[in-house]
PDB file of N, CA and C in Angstrom:
ATOM      1  N   MET A   1      35.365  28.669  -9.911  1.00  0.00           N
ATOM      2  CA  MET A   1      34.228  28.877 -10.789  1.00  0.00           C
ATOM      3  C   MET A   1      33.985  30.369 -10.968  1.00  0.00           C
ATOM      4  N   THR A   2      33.519  30.728 -12.150  1.00  0.00           N
ATOM      5  CA  THR A   2      33.126  32.117 -12.384  1.00  0.00           C
ATOM      6  C   THR A   2      31.791  32.367 -11.695  1.00  0.00           C
ATOM      7  N   ASP A   3      31.427  33.638 -11.546  1.00  0.00           N
ATOM      8  CA  ASP A   3      30.125  33.957 -10.954  1.00  0.00           C
ATOM      9  C   ASP A   3      28.995  33.313 -11.752  1.00  0.00           C
ATOM     10  N   ALA A   4      29.103  33.347 -13.074  1.00  0.00           N
ATOM     11  CA  ALA A   4      28.062  32.762 -13.925  1.00  0.00           C
ATOM     12  C   ALA A   4      27.964  31.255 -13.696  1.00  0.00           C
ATOM     13  N   GLN A   5      29.090  30.585 -13.532  1.00  0.00           N
ATOM     14  CA  GLN A   5      29.066  29.142 -13.263  1.00  0.00           C
ATOM     15  C   GLN A   5      28.454  28.849 -11.899  1.00  0.00           C
ATOM     16  N   THR A   6      28.764  29.666 -10.908  1.00  0.00           N
ATOM     17  CA  THR A   6      28.196  29.488  -9.576  1.00  0.00           C
ATOM     18  C   THR A   6      26.679  29.646  -9.635  1.00  0.00           C
ATOM     19  N   ILE A   7      26.212  30.653 -10.346  1.00  0.00           N
ATOM     20  CA  ILE A   7      24.773  30.881 -10.490  1.00  0.00           C
ATOM     21  C   ILE A   7      24.129  29.704 -11.216  1.00  0.00           C
ATOM     22  N   ALA A   8      24.756  29.233 -12.296  1.00  0.00           N
ATOM     23  CA  ALA A   8      24.202  28.095 -13.050  1.00  0.00           C
ATOM     24  C   ALA A   8      24.153  26.847 -12.174  1.00  0.00           C
ATOM     25  N   SER A   9      25.172  26.630 -11.360  1.00  0.00           N
ATOM     26  CA  SER A   9      25.203  25.479 -10.462  1.00  0.00           C
ATOM     27  C   SER A   9      24.073  25.563  -9.437  1.00  0.00           C
ATOM     28  N   ARG A  10      23.882  26.724  -8.859  1.00  0.00           N
ATOM     29  CA  ARG A  10      22.807  26.912  -7.878  1.00  0.00           C
ATOM     30  C   ARG A  10      21.435  26.792  -8.540  1.00  0.00           C
ATOM     31  N   PHE A  11      21.332  27.265  -9.775  1.00  0.00           N
ATOM     32  CA  PHE A  11      20.084  27.130 -10.535  1.00  0.00           C
ATOM     33  C   PHE A  11      19.740  25.656 -10.725  1.00  0.00           C
ATOM     34  N   MET A  12      20.722  24.861 -11.126  1.00  0.00           N
ATOM     35  CA  MET A  12      20.479  23.427 -11.341  1.00  0.00           C
ATOM     36  C   MET A  12      20.096  22.738 -10.035  1.00  0.00           C
ATOM     37  N   GLN A  13      20.713  23.130  -8.938  1.00  0.00           N
ATOM     38  CA  GLN A  13      20.365  22.568  -7.635  1.00  0.00           C
ATOM     39  C   GLN A  13      18.912  22.907  -7.301  1.00  0.00           C
ATOM     40  N   ALA A  14      18.519  24.172  -7.490  1.00  0.00           N
ATOM     41  CA  ALA A  14      17.136  24.584  -7.223  1.00  0.00           C
ATOM     42  C   ALA A  14      16.163  23.854  -8.145  1.00  0.00           C
ATOM     43  N   LEU A  15      16.557  23.635  -9.385  1.00  0.00           N
ATOM     44  CA  LEU A  15      15.715  22.902 -10.329  1.00  0.00           C
ATOM     45  C   LEU A  15      15.486  21.477  -9.850  1.00  0.00           C
ATOM     46  N   ASN A  16      16.538  20.811  -9.426  1.00  0.00           N
ATOM     47  CA  ASN A  16      16.411  19.442  -8.907  1.00  0.00           C
ATOM     48  C   ASN A  16      15.560  19.388  -7.641  1.00  0.00           C
ATOM     49  N   GLU A  17      15.569  20.456  -6.867  1.00  0.00           N
ATOM     50  CA  GLU A  17      14.787  20.518  -5.622  1.00  0.00           C
ATOM     51  C   GLU A  17      13.379  21.067  -5.858  1.00  0.00           C
ATOM     52  N   ARG A  18      13.075  21.459  -7.108  1.00  0.00           N
ATOM     53  CA  ARG A  18      11.776  22.058  -7.468  1.00  0.00           C
ATOM     54  C   ARG A  18      11.511  23.316  -6.649  1.00  0.00           C
ATOM     55  N   ASP A  19      12.552  24.079  -6.426  1.00  0.00           N
ATOM     56  CA  ASP A  19      12.471  25.319  -5.649  1.00  0.00           C
ATOM     57  C   ASP A  19      12.296  26.481  -6.637  1.00  0.00           C
ATOM     58  N   PHE A  20      11.062  26.692  -7.064  1.00  0.00           N
ATOM     59  CA  PHE A  20      10.793  27.668  -8.120  1.00  0.00           C
ATOM     60  C   PHE A  20      10.974  29.107  -7.656  1.00  0.00           C
ATOM     61  N   ASP A  21      10.819  29.364  -6.370  1.00  0.00           N
ATOM     62  CA  ASP A  21      11.074  30.710  -5.862  1.00  0.00           C
ATOM     63  C   ASP A  21      12.552  31.056  -6.004  1.00  0.00           C
ATOM     64  N   THR A  22      13.433  30.111  -5.653  1.00  0.00           N
ATOM     65  CA  THR A  22      14.875  30.344  -5.811  1.00  0.00           C
ATOM     66  C   THR A  22      15.235  30.485  -7.286  1.00  0.00           C
ATOM     67  N   ILE A  23      14.666  29.642  -8.125  1.00  0.00           N
ATOM     68  CA  ILE A  23      14.918  29.752  -9.569  1.00  0.00           C
ATOM     69  C   ILE A  23      14.585  31.155 -10.047  1.00  0.00           C
ATOM     70  N   GLY A  24      13.434  31.680  -9.621  1.00  0.00           N
ATOM     71  CA  GLY A  24      13.016  33.020 -10.022  1.00  0.00           C
ATOM     72  C   GLY A  24      13.987  34.102  -9.581  1.00  0.00           C
ATOM     73  N   GLN A  25      14.647  33.907  -8.446  1.00  0.00           N
ATOM     74  CA  GLN A  25      15.604  34.897  -7.950  1.00  0.00           C
ATOM     75  C   GLN A  25      16.860  34.980  -8.818  1.00  0.00           C
ATOM     76  N   PHE A  26      17.174  33.910  -9.535  1.00  0.00           N
ATOM     77  CA  PHE A  26      18.373  33.887 -10.365  1.00  0.00           C
ATOM     78  C   PHE A  26      18.154  34.506 -11.745  1.00  0.00           C
ATOM     79  N   LEU A  27      16.920  34.761 -12.110  1.00  0.00           N
ATOM     80  CA  LEU A  27      16.620  35.139 -13.482  1.00  0.00           C
ATOM     81  C   LEU A  27      16.394  36.626 -13.641  1.00  0.00           C
ATOM     82  N   ASP A  28      16.999  37.179 -14.668  1.00  0.00           N
ATOM     83  CA  ASP A  28      16.749  38.554 -15.064  1.00  0.00           C
ATOM     84  C   ASP A  28      15.598  38.533 -16.065  1.00  0.00           C
ATOM     85  N   GLU A  29      14.941  39.649 -16.268  1.00  0.00           N
ATOM     86  CA  GLU A  29      13.786  39.692 -17.166  1.00  0.00           C
ATOM     87  C   GLU A  29      14.125  39.384 -18.625  1.00  0.00           C
ATOM     88  N   ASP A  30      15.389  39.504 -19.019  1.00  0.00           N
ATOM     89  CA  ASP A  30      15.733  39.216 -20.420  1.00  0.00           C
ATOM     90  C   ASP A  30      16.338  37.822 -20.599  1.00  0.00           C
ATOM     91  N   VAL A  31      16.181  36.958 -19.597  1.00  0.00           N
ATOM     92  CA  VAL A  31      16.703  35.602 -19.698  1.00  0.00           C
ATOM     93  C   VAL A  31      15.994  34.870 -20.841  1.00  0.00           C
ATOM     94  N   ALA A  32      16.746  34.003 -21.523  1.00  0.00           N
ATOM     95  CA  ALA A  32      16.179  33.202 -22.617  1.00  0.00           C
ATOM     96  C   ALA A  32      16.632  31.760 -22.458  1.00  0.00           C
ATOM     97  N   LEU A  33      15.727  30.834 -22.776  1.00  0.00           N
ATOM     98  CA  LEU A  33      16.035  29.411 -22.714  1.00  0.00           C
ATOM     99  C   LEU A  33      15.560  28.758 -23.992  1.00  0.00           C
ATOM    100  N   ASP A  34      16.467  28.054 -24.659  1.00  0.00           N
ATOM    101  CA  ASP A  34      16.116  27.229 -25.812  1.00  0.00           C
ATOM    102  C   ASP A  34      16.004  25.804 -25.294  1.00  0.00           C
ATOM    103  N   SER A  35      14.793  25.282 -25.258  1.00  0.00           N
ATOM    104  CA  SER A  35      14.558  23.973 -24.651  1.00  0.00           C
ATOM    105  C   SER A  35      14.660  22.853 -25.665  1.00  0.00           C
ATOM    106  N   MET A  36      14.663  21.616 -25.138  1.00  0.00           N
ATOM    107  CA  MET A  36      14.736  20.455 -26.021  1.00  0.00           C
ATOM    108  C   MET A  36      13.466  20.268 -26.831  1.00  0.00           C
ATOM    109  N   THR A  37      12.397  20.976 -26.468  1.00  0.00           N
ATOM    110  CA  THR A  37      11.158  20.895 -27.236  1.00  0.00           C
ATOM    111  C   THR A  37      11.198  21.825 -28.445  1.00  0.00           C
ATOM    112  N   GLY A  38      12.300  22.561 -28.593  1.00  0.00           N
ATOM    113  CA  GLY A  38      12.449  23.468 -29.726  1.00  0.00           C
ATOM    114  C   GLY A  38      11.832  24.835 -29.492  1.00  0.00           C
ATOM    115  N   GLN A  39      11.384  25.086 -28.304  1.00  0.00           N
ATOM    116  CA  GLN A  39      10.735  26.344 -27.979  1.00  0.00           C
ATOM    117  C   GLN A  39      11.719  27.287 -27.309  1.00  0.00           C
ATOM    118  N   ARG A  40      11.682  28.561 -27.704  1.00  0.00           N
ATOM    119  CA  ARG A  40      12.479  29.581 -27.028  1.00  0.00           C
ATOM    120  C   ARG A  40      11.551  30.341 -26.097  1.00  0.00           C
ATOM    121  N   THR A  41      11.961  30.436 -24.841  1.00  0.00           N
ATOM    122  CA  THR A  41      11.186  31.147 -23.839  1.00  0.00           C
ATOM    123  C   THR A  41      12.000  32.339 -23.372  1.00  0.00           C
ATOM    124  N   ILE A  42      11.380  33.509 -23.375  1.00  0.00           N
ATOM    125  CA  ILE A  42      12.073  34.739 -22.980  1.00  0.00           C
ATOM    126  C   ILE A  42      11.321  35.375 -21.817  1.00  0.00           C
ATOM    127  N   GLY A  43      12.068  35.749 -20.780  1.00  0.00           N
ATOM    128  CA  GLY A  43      11.499  36.417 -19.617  1.00  0.00           C
ATOM    129  C   GLY A  43      11.435  35.504 -18.415  1.00  0.00           C
ATOM    130  N   ALA A  44      11.622  36.072 -17.233  1.00  0.00           N
ATOM    131  CA  ALA A  44      11.668  35.289 -16.002  1.00  0.00           C
ATOM    132  C   ALA A  44      10.344  34.590 -15.714  1.00  0.00           C
ATOM    133  N   GLY A  45       9.237  35.296 -15.810  1.00  0.00           N
ATOM    134  CA  GLY A  45       7.929  34.690 -15.544  1.00  0.00           C
ATOM    135  C   GLY A  45       7.598  33.571 -16.518  1.00  0.00           C
ATOM    136  N   PRO A  46       7.697  33.835 -17.831  1.00  0.00           N
ATOM    137  CA  PRO A  46       7.420  32.769 -18.796  1.00  0.00           C
ATOM    138  C   PRO A  46       8.363  31.569 -18.655  1.00  0.00           C
ATOM    139  N   LEU A  47       9.639  31.823 -18.320  1.00  0.00           N
ATOM    140  CA  LEU A  47      10.569  30.708 -18.163  1.00  0.00           C
ATOM    141  C   LEU A  47      10.177  29.855 -16.964  1.00  0.00           C
ATOM    142  N   ARG A  48       9.826  30.495 -15.877  1.00  0.00           N
ATOM    143  CA  ARG A  48       9.402  29.749 -14.684  1.00  0.00           C
ATOM    144  C   ARG A  48       8.178  28.897 -15.010  1.00  0.00           C
ATOM    145  N   THR A  49       7.206  29.467 -15.719  1.00  0.00           N
ATOM    146  CA  THR A  49       6.003  28.726 -16.111  1.00  0.00           C
ATOM    147  C   THR A  49       6.351  27.563 -17.030  1.00  0.00           C
ATOM    148  N   ALA A  50       7.244  27.789 -17.991  1.00  0.00           N
ATOM    149  CA  ALA A  50       7.640  26.732 -18.934  1.00  0.00           C
ATOM    150  C   ALA A  50       8.350  25.587 -18.216  1.00  0.00           C
ATOM    151  N   VAL A  51       9.211  25.905 -17.268  1.00  0.00           N
ATOM    152  CA  VAL A  51       9.921  24.869 -16.512  1.00  0.00           C
ATOM    153  C   VAL A  51       8.931  24.061 -15.679  1.00  0.00           C
ATOM    154  N   MET A  52       7.987  24.734 -15.046  1.00  0.00           N
ATOM    155  CA  MET A  52       6.988  24.027 -14.237  1.00  0.00           C
ATOM    156  C   MET A  52       6.136  23.114 -15.123  1.00  0.00           C
ATOM    157  N   SER A  53       5.767  23.587 -16.292  1.00  0.00           N
ATOM    158  CA  SER A  53       4.980  22.776 -17.228  1.00  0.00           C
ATOM    159  C   SER A  53       5.781  21.569 -17.703  1.00  0.00           C
ATOM    160  N   TYR A  54       7.034  21.800 -18.061  1.00  0.00           N
ATOM    161  CA  TYR A  54       7.896  20.711 -18.515  1.00  0.00           C
ATOM    162  C   TYR A  54       8.005  19.621 -17.448  1.00  0.00           C
ATOM    163  N   LEU A  55       8.225  20.045 -16.203  1.00  0.00           N
ATOM    164  CA  LEU A  55       8.406  19.073 -15.129  1.00  0.00           C
ATOM    165  C   LEU A  55       7.105  18.367 -14.762  1.00  0.00           C
ATOM    166  N   ARG A  56       5.961  18.940 -15.134  1.00  0.00           N
ATOM    167  CA  ARG A  56       4.695  18.233 -14.967  1.00  0.00           C
ATOM    168  C   ARG A  56       4.649  17.018 -15.895  1.00  0.00           C
ATOM    169  N   HIS A  57       5.218  17.173 -17.086  1.00  0.00           N
ATOM    170  CA  HIS A  57       5.233  16.094 -18.078  1.00  0.00           C
ATOM    171  C   HIS A  57       6.400  15.130 -17.848  1.00  0.00           C
ATOM    172  N   PHE A  58       7.549  15.676 -17.526  1.00  0.00           N
ATOM    173  CA  PHE A  58       8.777  14.888 -17.350  1.00  0.00           C
ATOM    174  C   PHE A  58       9.247  15.055 -15.910  1.00  0.00           C
ATOM    175  N   ASP A  59       9.087  14.021 -15.109  1.00  0.00           N
ATOM    176  CA  ASP A  59       9.560  14.064 -13.727  1.00  0.00           C
ATOM    177  C   ASP A  59      11.034  13.680 -13.747  1.00  0.00           C
ATOM    178  N   GLU A  60      11.880  14.676 -13.912  1.00  0.00           N
ATOM    179  CA  GLU A  60      13.315  14.431 -14.101  1.00  0.00           C
ATOM    180  C   GLU A  60      14.150  15.125 -13.036  1.00  0.00           C
ATOM    181  N   THR A  61      15.315  14.552 -12.812  1.00  0.00           N
ATOM    182  CA  THR A  61      16.381  15.227 -12.091  1.00  0.00           C
ATOM    183  C   THR A  61      17.580  15.262 -13.024  1.00  0.00           C
ATOM    184  N   PHE A  62      18.480  16.176 -12.751  1.00  0.00           N
ATOM    185  CA  PHE A  62      19.605  16.406 -13.642  1.00  0.00           C
ATOM    186  C   PHE A  62      20.907  16.190 -12.877  1.00  0.00           C
ATOM    187  N   GLY A  63      21.748  15.308 -13.427  1.00  0.00           N
ATOM    188  CA  GLY A  63      23.019  14.980 -12.790  1.00  0.00           C
ATOM    189  C   GLY A  63      24.152  14.995 -13.788  1.00  0.00           C
ATOM    190  N   ASP A  64      25.314  14.525 -13.361  1.00  0.00           N
ATOM    191  CA  ASP A  64      26.516  14.531 -14.203  1.00  0.00           C
ATOM    192  C   ASP A  64      26.727  15.915 -14.804  1.00  0.00           C
ATOM    193  N   ILE A  65      26.558  16.934 -13.989  1.00  0.00           N
ATOM    194  CA  ILE A  65      26.543  18.326 -14.448  1.00  0.00           C
ATOM    195  C   ILE A  65      27.951  18.795 -14.799  1.00  0.00           C
ATOM    196  N   VAL A  66      28.087  19.322 -16.018  1.00  0.00           N
ATOM    197  CA  VAL A  66      29.331  19.936 -16.469  1.00  0.00           C
ATOM    198  C   VAL A  66      29.008  21.378 -16.834  1.00  0.00           C
ATOM    199  N   LEU A  67      29.685  22.315 -16.181  1.00  0.00           N
ATOM    200  CA  LEU A  67      29.479  23.739 -16.440  1.00  0.00           C
ATOM    201  C   LEU A  67      30.605  24.260 -17.316  1.00  0.00           C
ATOM    202  N   MET A  68      30.235  24.973 -18.356  1.00  0.00           N
ATOM    203  CA  MET A  68      31.228  25.561 -19.262  1.00  0.00           C
ATOM    204  C   MET A  68      30.957  27.057 -19.374  1.00  0.00           C
ATOM    205  N   HIS A  69      32.000  27.817 -19.662  1.00  0.00           N
ATOM    206  CA  HIS A  69      31.812  29.267 -19.805  1.00  0.00           C
ATOM    207  C   HIS A  69      32.720  29.808 -20.891  1.00  0.00           C
ATOM    208  N   ASP A  70      32.367  31.012 -21.365  1.00  0.00           N
ATOM    209  CA  ASP A  70      33.199  31.659 -22.375  1.00  0.00           C
ATOM    210  C   ASP A  70      34.447  32.253 -21.712  1.00  0.00           C
ATOM    211  N   ALA A  71      35.313  32.838 -22.505  1.00  0.00           N
ATOM    212  CA  ALA A  71      36.588  33.367 -22.006  1.00  0.00           C
ATOM    213  C   ALA A  71      36.392  34.477 -20.969  1.00  0.00           C
ATOM    214  N   PHE A  72      35.245  35.155 -21.018  1.00  0.00           N
ATOM    215  CA  PHE A  72      34.987  36.256 -20.098  1.00  0.00           C
ATOM    216  C   PHE A  72      34.177  35.827 -18.876  1.00  0.00           C
ATOM    217  N   GLY A  73      33.709  34.577 -18.880  1.00  0.00           N
ATOM    218  CA  GLY A  73      32.930  34.070 -17.758  1.00  0.00           C
ATOM    219  C   GLY A  73      31.516  34.602 -17.704  1.00  0.00           C
ATOM    220  N   GLN A  74      31.018  35.147 -18.819  1.00  0.00           N
ATOM    221  CA  GLN A  74      29.691  35.749 -18.822  1.00  0.00           C
ATOM    222  C   GLN A  74      28.624  34.847 -19.429  1.00  0.00           C
ATOM    223  N   ARG A  75      29.007  33.986 -20.327  1.00  0.00           N
ATOM    224  CA  ARG A  75      28.067  33.057 -20.948  1.00  0.00           C
ATOM    225  C   ARG A  75      28.326  31.669 -20.388  1.00  0.00           C
ATOM    226  N   VAL A  76      27.246  30.956 -20.087  1.00  0.00           N
ATOM    227  CA  VAL A  76      27.367  29.652 -19.462  1.00  0.00           C
ATOM    228  C   VAL A  76      26.569  28.628 -20.251  1.00  0.00           C
ATOM    229  N   ALA A  77      27.137  27.441 -20.377  1.00  0.00           N
ATOM    230  CA  ALA A  77      26.419  26.296 -20.923  1.00  0.00           C
ATOM    231  C   ALA A  77      26.473  25.193 -19.878  1.00  0.00           C
ATOM    232  N   VAL A  78      25.375  24.473 -19.750  1.00  0.00           N
ATOM    233  CA  VAL A  78      25.281  23.399 -18.774  1.00  0.00           C
ATOM    234  C   VAL A  78      24.969  22.115 -19.525  1.00  0.00           C
ATOM    235  N   ASP A  79      25.820  21.118 -19.354  1.00  0.00           N
ATOM    236  CA  ASP A  79      25.608  19.804 -19.949  1.00  0.00           C
ATOM    237  C   ASP A  79      25.237  18.857 -18.814  1.00  0.00           C
ATOM    238  N   VAL A  80      24.115  18.149 -18.959  1.00  0.00           N
ATOM    239  CA  VAL A  80      23.625  17.287 -17.888  1.00  0.00           C
ATOM    240  C   VAL A  80      23.113  15.964 -18.449  1.00  0.00           C
ATOM    241  N   THR A  81      22.896  15.024 -17.558  1.00  0.00           N
ATOM    242  CA  THR A  81      22.162  13.806 -17.879  1.00  0.00           C
ATOM    243  C   THR A  81      20.832  13.892 -17.146  1.00  0.00           C
ATOM    244  N   ALA A  82      19.744  13.755 -17.898  1.00  0.00           N
ATOM    245  CA  ALA A  82      18.401  13.787 -17.311  1.00  0.00           C
ATOM    246  C   ALA A  82      17.977  12.357 -16.988  1.00  0.00           C
ATOM    247  N   ARG A  83      17.477  12.169 -15.780  1.00  0.00           N
ATOM    248  CA  ARG A  83      16.971  10.867 -15.347  1.00  0.00           C
ATOM    249  C   ARG A  83      15.582  11.074 -14.759  1.00  0.00           C
ATOM    250  N   GLY A  84      14.639  10.229 -15.154  1.00  0.00           N
ATOM    251  CA  GLY A  84      13.306  10.377 -14.600  1.00  0.00           C
ATOM    252  C   GLY A  84      12.277   9.583 -15.356  1.00  0.00           C
ATOM    253  N   THR A  85      11.050  10.089 -15.331  1.00  0.00           N
ATOM    254  CA  THR A  85       9.921   9.412 -15.946  1.00  0.00           C
ATOM    255  C   THR A  85       9.103  10.403 -16.759  1.00  0.00           C
ATOM    256  N   TYR A  86       8.729   9.993 -17.958  1.00  0.00           N
ATOM    257  CA  TYR A  86       7.813  10.764 -18.796  1.00  0.00           C
ATOM    258  C   TYR A  86       6.422  10.342 -18.357  1.00  0.00           C
ATOM    259  N   ARG A  87       5.722  11.205 -17.618  1.00  0.00           N
ATOM    260  CA  ARG A  87       4.498  10.764 -16.955  1.00  0.00           C
ATOM    261  C   ARG A  87       3.208  11.317 -17.521  1.00  0.00           C
ATOM    262  N   GLU A  88       3.268  12.340 -18.355  1.00  0.00           N
ATOM    263  CA  GLU A  88       2.043  12.926 -18.901  1.00  0.00           C
ATOM    264  C   GLU A  88       2.287  13.350 -20.340  1.00  0.00           C
ATOM    265  N   SER A  89       1.344  13.044 -21.230  1.00  0.00           N
ATOM    266  CA  SER A  89       1.504  13.368 -22.655  1.00  0.00           C
ATOM    267  C   SER A  89       1.797  14.848 -22.859  1.00  0.00           C
ATOM    268  N   MET A  90       2.670  15.103 -23.833  1.00  0.00           N
ATOM    269  CA  MET A  90       3.046  16.472 -24.189  1.00  0.00           C
ATOM    270  C   MET A  90       2.983  16.583 -25.703  1.00  0.00           C
ATOM    271  N   ALA A  91       2.433  17.678 -26.186  1.00  0.00           N
ATOM    272  CA  ALA A  91       2.294  17.890 -27.626  1.00  0.00           C
ATOM    273  C   ALA A  91       3.635  17.701 -28.332  1.00  0.00           C
ATOM    274  N   GLY A  92       3.606  16.930 -29.429  1.00  0.00           N
ATOM    275  CA  GLY A  92       4.810  16.700 -30.212  1.00  0.00           C
ATOM    276  C   GLY A  92       5.656  15.531 -29.738  1.00  0.00           C
ATOM    277  N   PHE A  93       5.250  14.880 -28.670  1.00  0.00           N
ATOM    278  CA  PHE A  93       5.976  13.746 -28.116  1.00  0.00           C
ATOM    279  C   PHE A  93       5.088  12.507 -28.157  1.00  0.00           C
ATOM    280  N   PRO A  94       5.685  11.316 -28.202  1.00  0.00           N
ATOM    281  CA  PRO A  94       4.879  10.097 -28.158  1.00  0.00           C
ATOM    282  C   PRO A  94       4.202   9.955 -26.794  1.00  0.00           C
ATOM    283  N   LYS A  95       3.277   9.008 -26.702  1.00  0.00           N
ATOM    284  CA  LYS A  95       2.615   8.745 -25.423  1.00  0.00           C
ATOM    285  C   LYS A  95       3.652   8.286 -24.399  1.00  0.00           C
ATOM    286  N   PRO A  96       3.394   8.593 -23.125  1.00  0.00           N
ATOM    287  CA  PRO A  96       4.325   8.149 -22.078  1.00  0.00           C
ATOM    288  C   PRO A  96       4.450   6.638 -22.025  1.00  0.00           C
ATOM    289  N   ALA A  97       5.641   6.168 -21.710  1.00  0.00           N
ATOM    290  CA  ALA A  97       5.920   4.741 -21.539  1.00  0.00           C
ATOM    291  C   ALA A  97       6.191   4.490 -20.064  1.00  0.00           C
ATOM    292  N   THR A  98       6.252   3.243 -19.699  1.00  0.00           N
ATOM    293  CA  THR A  98       6.496   2.917 -18.290  1.00  0.00           C
ATOM    294  C   THR A  98       7.978   2.851 -17.950  1.00  0.00           C
ATOM    295  N   ARG A  99       8.835   2.918 -18.942  1.00  0.00           N
ATOM    296  CA  ARG A  99      10.269   2.808 -18.650  1.00  0.00           C
ATOM    297  C   ARG A  99      10.858   4.171 -18.278  1.00  0.00           C
ATOM    298  N   PRO A 100      11.903   4.172 -17.481  1.00  0.00           N
ATOM    299  CA  PRO A 100      12.523   5.432 -17.059  1.00  0.00           C
ATOM    300  C   PRO A 100      13.266   6.119 -18.203  1.00  0.00           C
ATOM    301  N   ILE A 101      13.494   7.420 -18.031  1.00  0.00           N
ATOM    302  CA  ILE A 101      14.225   8.246 -18.987  1.00  0.00           C
ATOM    303  C   ILE A 101      15.682   8.346 -18.533  1.00  0.00           C
ATOM    304  N   LEU A 102      16.592   8.233 -19.460  1.00  0.00           N
ATOM    305  CA  LEU A 102      18.003   8.515 -19.228  1.00  0.00           C
ATOM    306  C   LEU A 102      18.509   9.139 -20.516  1.00  0.00           C
ATOM    307  N   SER A 103      18.747  10.434 -20.492  1.00  0.00           N
ATOM    308  CA  SER A 103      19.169  11.084 -21.724  1.00  0.00           C
ATOM    309  C   SER A 103      20.094  12.250 -21.436  1.00  0.00           C
ATOM    310  N   PRO A 104      21.047  12.473 -22.357  1.00  0.00           N
ATOM    311  CA  PRO A 104      21.883  13.668 -22.226  1.00  0.00           C
ATOM    312  C   PRO A 104      21.048  14.877 -22.585  1.00  0.00           C
ATOM    313  N   ALA A 105      21.303  15.974 -21.930  1.00  0.00           N
ATOM    314  CA  ALA A 105      20.605  17.221 -22.220  1.00  0.00           C
ATOM    315  C   ALA A 105      21.581  18.354 -21.983  1.00  0.00           C
ATOM    316  N   SER A 106      21.333  19.483 -22.604  1.00  0.00           N
ATOM    317  CA  SER A 106      22.191  20.634 -22.351  1.00  0.00           C
ATOM    318  C   SER A 106      21.367  21.894 -22.453  1.00  0.00           C
ATOM    319  N   SER A 107      21.882  22.934 -21.864  1.00  0.00           N
ATOM    320  CA  SER A 107      21.222  24.226 -21.888  1.00  0.00           C
ATOM    321  C   SER A 107      22.302  25.287 -21.894  1.00  0.00           C
ATOM    322  N   SER A 108      21.990  26.399 -22.509  1.00  0.00           N
ATOM    323  CA  SER A 108      22.948  27.501 -22.468  1.00  0.00           C
ATOM    324  C   SER A 108      22.210  28.786 -22.168  1.00  0.00           C
ATOM    325  N   SER A 109      22.920  29.717 -21.620  1.00  0.00           N
ATOM    326  CA  SER A 109      22.340  31.011 -21.303  1.00  0.00           C
ATOM    327  C   SER A 109      23.144  32.090 -21.988  1.00  0.00           C
ATOM    328  N   ASN A 110      22.464  32.854 -22.815  1.00  0.00           N
ATOM    329  CA  ASN A 110      23.094  33.987 -23.466  1.00  0.00           C
ATOM    330  C   ASN A 110      22.663  35.277 -22.796  1.00  0.00           C
ATOM    331  N   SER A 111      21.927  35.163 -21.726  1.00  0.00           N
ATOM    332  CA  SER A 111      21.432  36.319 -21.018  1.00  0.00           C
ATOM    333  C   SER A 111      22.030  36.377 -19.636  1.00  0.00           C
ATOM    334  N   ARG A 112      21.819  37.483 -19.014  1.00  0.00           N
ATOM    335  CA  ARG A 112      22.346  37.709 -17.691  1.00  0.00           C
ATOM    336  C   ARG A 112      21.451  37.056 -16.666  1.00  0.00           C
ATOM    337  N   MET A 113      22.059  36.310 -15.745  1.00  0.00           N
ATOM    338  CA  MET A 113      21.338  35.773 -14.597  1.00  0.00           C
ATOM    339  C   MET A 113      21.704  36.649 -13.408  1.00  0.00           C
ATOM    340  N   VAL A 114      20.754  36.899 -12.553  1.00  0.00           N
ATOM    341  CA  VAL A 114      20.974  37.770 -11.416  1.00  0.00           C
ATOM    342  C   VAL A 114      21.620  36.977 -10.287  1.00  0.00           C
ATOM    343  N   PRO A 115      22.766  37.458  -9.741  1.00  0.00           N
ATOM    344  CA  PRO A 115      23.420  36.725  -8.648  1.00  0.00           C
ATOM    345  C   PRO A 115      22.626  36.803  -7.359  1.00  0.00           C
TER     346      PRO A 115
END
């Protein structure tokens, strides 16, 4: 694995463990995340807050993780399957249902993550 893939793998592990302090250690101030809600979040602090807010609404874990990288190993994309429960209403989404969530999801990083 490239360094970027190793960092992305550890990030996903910390995300599944809800270890927000570790997540913060991986992020540089210019990190950007384009989420499934259509929102772009820029910066380590705002990204940490956005992830915590998202997980308040969607109690998910991420599995079936596939890590991809560019030819230089600097850009990483993560393809995952999200499993969990939509437990609290979120703007732009329907009301929560009682059935579990199972959906493909992906994320990419065009910014530098700190090793």
